[in-house]
Amino acid sequence: MRVVLERFALQELLDAVNYYSILSTKTANKFVSDFEHAVSLIKEHPLAFPERFNGFRKCFFKKFNYALIYKAEITQIVIVAVMHNGREPNYWHKRAEQ
């Protein structure tokens, strides 16, 4: 199944990678690996994670305090947020309403 990262989610991913790369390249690489792991879980089991809002689901990263907010559609998975769990929890709802 195809995975699509919406532009705001892509920007959040890039911002997080940039932040962690300032700390260390090794940490940034671990973050990317954790992101890729979450994406592979979603691809394998798109409906396994609990629905949060308007059909959107939340998959937590294994090691970092992040989650992917996504919607499983018939032909693709759309990721609308790469969310830090310490952030306002519902900030992405406006993206889900578009």
N, C-alpha and C. Protein backbone atom coordinates (compact mmCIF):
# COMPACT_ATOMS: atom_id res chain seq x y z
N MET A 1 0.84 -1.18 0.00
CA MET A 1 0.00 0.00 0.00
C MET A 1 0.89 1.24 0.00
N ARG A 2 0.47 2.21 -0.73
CA ARG A 2 1.21 3.47 -0.88
C ARG A 2 1.02 4.34 0.36
N VAL A 3 2.09 5.01 0.79
CA VAL A 3 2.03 5.93 1.91
C VAL A 3 2.31 7.34 1.39
N VAL A 4 1.41 8.27 1.74
CA VAL A 4 1.54 9.66 1.33
C VAL A 4 1.73 10.50 2.58
N LEU A 5 2.76 11.34 2.57
CA LEU A 5 3.01 12.27 3.66
C LEU A 5 2.53 13.64 3.20
N GLU A 6 1.50 14.17 3.85
CA GLU A 6 1.05 15.51 3.48
C GLU A 6 2.12 16.53 3.82
N ARG A 7 2.05 17.68 3.20
CA ARG A 7 3.16 18.64 3.30
C ARG A 7 3.44 19.09 4.72
N PHE A 8 2.42 19.28 5.56
CA PHE A 8 2.67 19.69 6.94
C PHE A 8 3.34 18.56 7.72
N ALA A 9 2.95 17.34 7.45
CA ALA A 9 3.59 16.19 8.10
C ALA A 9 5.04 16.06 7.66
N LEU A 10 5.29 16.27 6.38
CA LEU A 10 6.66 16.23 5.88
C LEU A 10 7.50 17.30 6.55
N GLN A 11 6.93 18.50 6.71
CA GLN A 11 7.68 19.58 7.36
C GLN A 11 7.97 19.24 8.82
N GLU A 12 7.00 18.63 9.49
CA GLU A 12 7.22 18.21 10.89
C GLU A 12 8.33 17.16 10.97
N LEU A 13 8.33 16.24 10.03
CA LEU A 13 9.38 15.22 9.99
C LEU A 13 10.74 15.87 9.78
N LEU A 14 10.84 16.76 8.81
CA LEU A 14 12.11 17.43 8.53
C LEU A 14 12.58 18.28 9.71
N ASP A 15 11.64 18.96 10.36
CA ASP A 15 11.99 19.77 11.53
C ASP A 15 12.55 18.90 12.65
N ALA A 16 11.93 17.75 12.88
CA ALA A 16 12.40 16.85 13.94
C ALA A 16 13.78 16.29 13.59
N VAL A 17 13.97 15.90 12.35
CA VAL A 17 15.28 15.37 11.93
C VAL A 17 16.34 16.45 12.07
N ASN A 18 16.02 17.67 11.69
CA ASN A 18 16.98 18.77 11.84
C ASN A 18 17.32 19.00 13.30
N TYR A 19 16.30 19.00 14.15
CA TYR A 19 16.53 19.19 15.58
C TYR A 19 17.46 18.11 16.13
N TYR A 20 17.15 16.85 15.83
CA TYR A 20 17.97 15.75 16.36
C TYR A 20 19.36 15.73 15.74
N SER A 21 19.50 16.20 14.51
CA SER A 21 20.83 16.21 13.89
C SER A 21 21.72 17.26 14.54
N ILE A 22 21.12 18.31 15.11
CA ILE A 22 21.91 19.29 15.86
C ILE A 22 22.48 18.63 17.12
N LEU A 23 21.69 17.75 17.72
CA LEU A 23 22.16 17.03 18.90
C LEU A 23 23.23 16.02 18.53
N SER A 24 22.92 15.19 17.53
CA SER A 24 23.91 14.23 17.01
C SER A 24 23.34 13.54 15.79
N THR A 25 24.23 13.21 14.87
CA THR A 25 23.83 12.49 13.66
C THR A 25 23.27 11.12 14.02
N LYS A 26 23.85 10.49 15.02
CA LYS A 26 23.39 9.17 15.44
C LYS A 26 21.94 9.24 15.95
N THR A 27 21.62 10.26 16.73
CA THR A 27 20.26 10.42 17.23
C THR A 27 19.29 10.69 16.09
N ALA A 28 19.69 11.52 15.14
CA ALA A 28 18.84 11.81 13.98
C ALA A 28 18.58 10.53 13.18
N ASN A 29 19.60 9.72 13.00
CA ASN A 29 19.43 8.46 12.27
C ASN A 29 18.50 7.51 13.02
N LYS A 30 18.60 7.48 14.34
CA LYS A 30 17.70 6.65 15.14
C LYS A 30 16.26 7.14 15.02
N PHE A 31 16.08 8.45 14.97
CA PHE A 31 14.74 9.01 14.80
C PHE A 31 14.14 8.58 13.46
N VAL A 32 14.94 8.71 12.40
CA VAL A 32 14.46 8.31 11.06
C VAL A 32 14.12 6.83 11.05
N SER A 33 14.94 6.03 11.68
CA SER A 33 14.68 4.59 11.76
C SER A 33 13.38 4.31 12.51
N ASP A 34 13.14 5.04 13.58
CA ASP A 34 11.90 4.87 14.35
C ASP A 34 10.70 5.29 13.52
N PHE A 35 10.83 6.37 12.76
CA PHE A 35 9.77 6.81 11.85
C PHE A 35 9.48 5.72 10.81
N GLU A 36 10.53 5.19 10.21
CA GLU A 36 10.36 4.15 9.19
C GLU A 36 9.70 2.90 9.77
N HIS A 37 10.05 2.57 11.00
CA HIS A 37 9.43 1.43 11.68
C HIS A 37 7.92 1.66 11.85
N ALA A 38 7.54 2.85 12.28
CA ALA A 38 6.12 3.18 12.45
C ALA A 38 5.39 3.10 11.12
N VAL A 39 6.00 3.61 10.06
CA VAL A 39 5.39 3.54 8.73
C VAL A 39 5.20 2.09 8.30
N SER A 40 6.19 1.25 8.55
CA SER A 40 6.05 -0.16 8.15
C SER A 40 4.95 -0.86 8.95
N LEU A 41 4.80 -0.52 10.23
CA LEU A 41 3.70 -1.08 11.01
C LEU A 41 2.34 -0.68 10.44
N ILE A 42 2.22 0.57 10.07
CA ILE A 42 0.97 1.06 9.49
C ILE A 42 0.68 0.37 8.17
N LYS A 43 1.71 0.20 7.35
CA LYS A 43 1.51 -0.47 6.06
C LYS A 43 1.06 -1.91 6.24
N GLU A 44 1.64 -2.60 7.22
CA GLU A 44 1.30 -4.00 7.45
C GLU A 44 -0.08 -4.17 8.10
N HIS A 45 -0.42 -3.26 9.01
CA HIS A 45 -1.67 -3.38 9.78
C HIS A 45 -2.35 -2.02 9.89
N PRO A 46 -2.88 -1.49 8.79
CA PRO A 46 -3.40 -0.11 8.80
C PRO A 46 -4.56 0.13 9.75
N LEU A 47 -5.33 -0.89 10.08
CA LEU A 47 -6.49 -0.69 10.96
C LEU A 47 -6.23 -1.12 12.40
N ALA A 48 -5.00 -1.48 12.71
CA ALA A 48 -4.68 -2.00 14.04
C ALA A 48 -4.62 -0.93 15.12
N PHE A 49 -4.45 0.31 14.73
CA PHE A 49 -4.29 1.37 15.71
C PHE A 49 -5.63 2.08 15.95
N PRO A 50 -5.85 2.56 17.16
CA PRO A 50 -7.17 3.12 17.50
C PRO A 50 -7.51 4.38 16.71
N GLU A 51 -8.77 4.46 16.38
CA GLU A 51 -9.28 5.63 15.69
C GLU A 51 -9.39 6.77 16.70
N ARG A 52 -8.95 7.96 16.30
CA ARG A 52 -8.93 9.12 17.19
C ARG A 52 -9.95 10.19 16.83
N PHE A 53 -10.08 10.49 15.54
CA PHE A 53 -10.90 11.62 15.11
C PHE A 53 -11.21 11.47 13.63
N ASN A 54 -12.47 11.46 13.28
CA ASN A 54 -12.90 11.40 11.87
C ASN A 54 -12.19 10.33 11.05
N GLY A 55 -11.97 9.17 11.63
CA GLY A 55 -11.33 8.08 10.91
C GLY A 55 -9.82 8.11 10.93
N PHE A 56 -9.24 9.10 11.57
CA PHE A 56 -7.78 9.18 11.67
C PHE A 56 -7.30 8.35 12.86
N ARG A 57 -6.16 7.75 12.69
CA ARG A 57 -5.58 6.85 13.69
C ARG A 57 -4.23 7.37 14.14
N LYS A 58 -3.76 6.82 15.26
CA LYS A 58 -2.50 7.28 15.84
C LYS A 58 -1.60 6.09 16.12
N CYS A 59 -0.40 6.12 15.54
CA CYS A 59 0.60 5.07 15.74
C CYS A 59 1.81 5.69 16.43
N PHE A 60 2.11 5.23 17.65
CA PHE A 60 3.23 5.77 18.41
C PHE A 60 4.55 5.21 17.91
N PHE A 61 5.58 6.05 17.94
CA PHE A 61 6.94 5.60 17.67
C PHE A 61 7.36 4.67 18.80
N LYS A 62 8.29 3.81 18.52
CA LYS A 62 8.75 2.85 19.52
C LYS A 62 9.66 3.49 20.57
N LYS A 63 10.59 4.35 20.13
CA LYS A 63 11.59 4.90 21.03
C LYS A 63 11.46 6.39 21.30
N PHE A 64 10.98 7.14 20.35
CA PHE A 64 10.87 8.58 20.50
C PHE A 64 9.45 8.96 20.89
N ASN A 65 9.31 10.13 21.49
CA ASN A 65 8.01 10.60 21.98
C ASN A 65 7.21 11.25 20.85
N TYR A 66 7.00 10.50 19.79
CA TYR A 66 6.29 10.96 18.60
C TYR A 66 5.24 9.94 18.20
N ALA A 67 4.32 10.39 17.36
CA ALA A 67 3.32 9.50 16.79
C ALA A 67 2.98 9.97 15.38
N LEU A 68 2.52 9.04 14.57
CA LEU A 68 2.01 9.37 13.24
C LEU A 68 0.49 9.42 13.31
N ILE A 69 -0.08 10.47 12.78
CA ILE A 69 -1.53 10.58 12.64
C ILE A 69 -1.83 10.32 11.18
N TYR A 70 -2.69 9.33 10.93
CA TYR A 70 -2.91 8.91 9.54
C TYR A 70 -4.34 8.43 9.33
N LYS A 71 -4.68 8.33 8.06
CA LYS A 71 -5.97 7.76 7.67
C LYS A 71 -5.70 6.69 6.63
N ALA A 72 -6.25 5.51 6.88
CA ALA A 72 -6.12 4.40 5.94
C ALA A 72 -7.26 4.49 4.93
N GLU A 73 -6.91 4.72 3.68
CA GLU A 73 -7.89 4.76 2.61
C GLU A 73 -7.79 3.45 1.83
N ILE A 74 -8.61 3.29 0.82
CA ILE A 74 -8.64 2.03 0.07
C ILE A 74 -7.31 1.75 -0.61
N THR A 75 -6.72 2.77 -1.24
CA THR A 75 -5.50 2.55 -2.03
C THR A 75 -4.25 3.14 -1.41
N GLN A 76 -4.40 3.92 -0.33
CA GLN A 76 -3.24 4.57 0.24
C GLN A 76 -3.43 4.89 1.72
N ILE A 77 -2.33 5.20 2.36
CA ILE A 77 -2.33 5.67 3.74
C ILE A 77 -1.85 7.11 3.69
N VAL A 78 -2.64 8.00 4.26
CA VAL A 78 -2.31 9.42 4.25
C VAL A 78 -1.89 9.84 5.66
N ILE A 79 -0.64 10.27 5.79
CA ILE A 79 -0.13 10.75 7.07
C ILE A 79 -0.30 12.26 7.10
N VAL A 80 -1.04 12.76 8.09
CA VAL A 80 -1.30 14.20 8.18
C VAL A 80 -0.45 14.88 9.24
N ALA A 81 0.16 14.11 10.15
CA ALA A 81 0.99 14.72 11.19
C ALA A 81 2.06 13.75 11.67
N VAL A 82 3.23 14.30 11.90
CA VAL A 82 4.31 13.62 12.62
C VAL A 82 4.39 14.41 13.93
N MET A 83 3.64 13.91 14.91
CA MET A 83 3.32 14.69 16.09
C MET A 83 4.21 14.36 17.28
N HIS A 84 4.77 15.40 17.89
CA HIS A 84 5.45 15.21 19.17
C HIS A 84 4.36 15.09 20.24
N ASN A 85 4.44 14.06 21.05
CA ASN A 85 3.37 13.79 22.02
C ASN A 85 3.28 14.79 23.16
N GLY A 86 4.28 15.67 23.28
CA GLY A 86 4.22 16.72 24.29
C GLY A 86 3.54 17.98 23.77
N ARG A 87 3.19 17.97 22.51
CA ARG A 87 2.54 19.11 21.87
C ARG A 87 1.05 19.06 22.12
N GLU A 88 0.37 20.16 21.88
CA GLU A 88 -1.09 20.19 22.01
C GLU A 88 -1.67 19.01 21.23
N PRO A 89 -2.42 18.13 21.88
CA PRO A 89 -2.79 16.86 21.25
C PRO A 89 -3.74 16.96 20.06
N ASN A 90 -4.50 18.02 19.95
CA ASN A 90 -5.50 18.08 18.88
C ASN A 90 -5.17 19.12 17.80
N TYR A 91 -3.94 19.59 17.75
CA TYR A 91 -3.60 20.64 16.79
C TYR A 91 -3.82 20.20 15.35
N TRP A 92 -3.74 18.93 15.07
CA TRP A 92 -3.84 18.41 13.70
C TRP A 92 -5.28 18.26 13.24
N HIS A 93 -6.26 18.45 14.11
CA HIS A 93 -7.67 18.25 13.73
C HIS A 93 -8.07 19.13 12.54
N LYS A 94 -7.57 20.34 12.49
CA LYS A 94 -7.93 21.22 11.37
C LYS A 94 -7.45 20.65 10.04
N ARG A 95 -6.38 19.88 10.04
CA ARG A 95 -5.91 19.22 8.82
C ARG A 95 -6.86 18.10 8.40
N ALA A 96 -7.44 17.45 9.37
CA ALA A 96 -8.34 16.32 9.10
C ALA A 96 -9.67 16.79 8.54
N GLU A 97 -10.00 18.04 8.75
CA GLU A 97 -11.29 18.56 8.28
C GLU A 97 -11.22 19.09 6.85
N GLN A 98 -10.04 19.15 6.28
CA GLN A 98 -9.87 19.69 4.91
C GLN A 98 -10.23 18.68 3.87
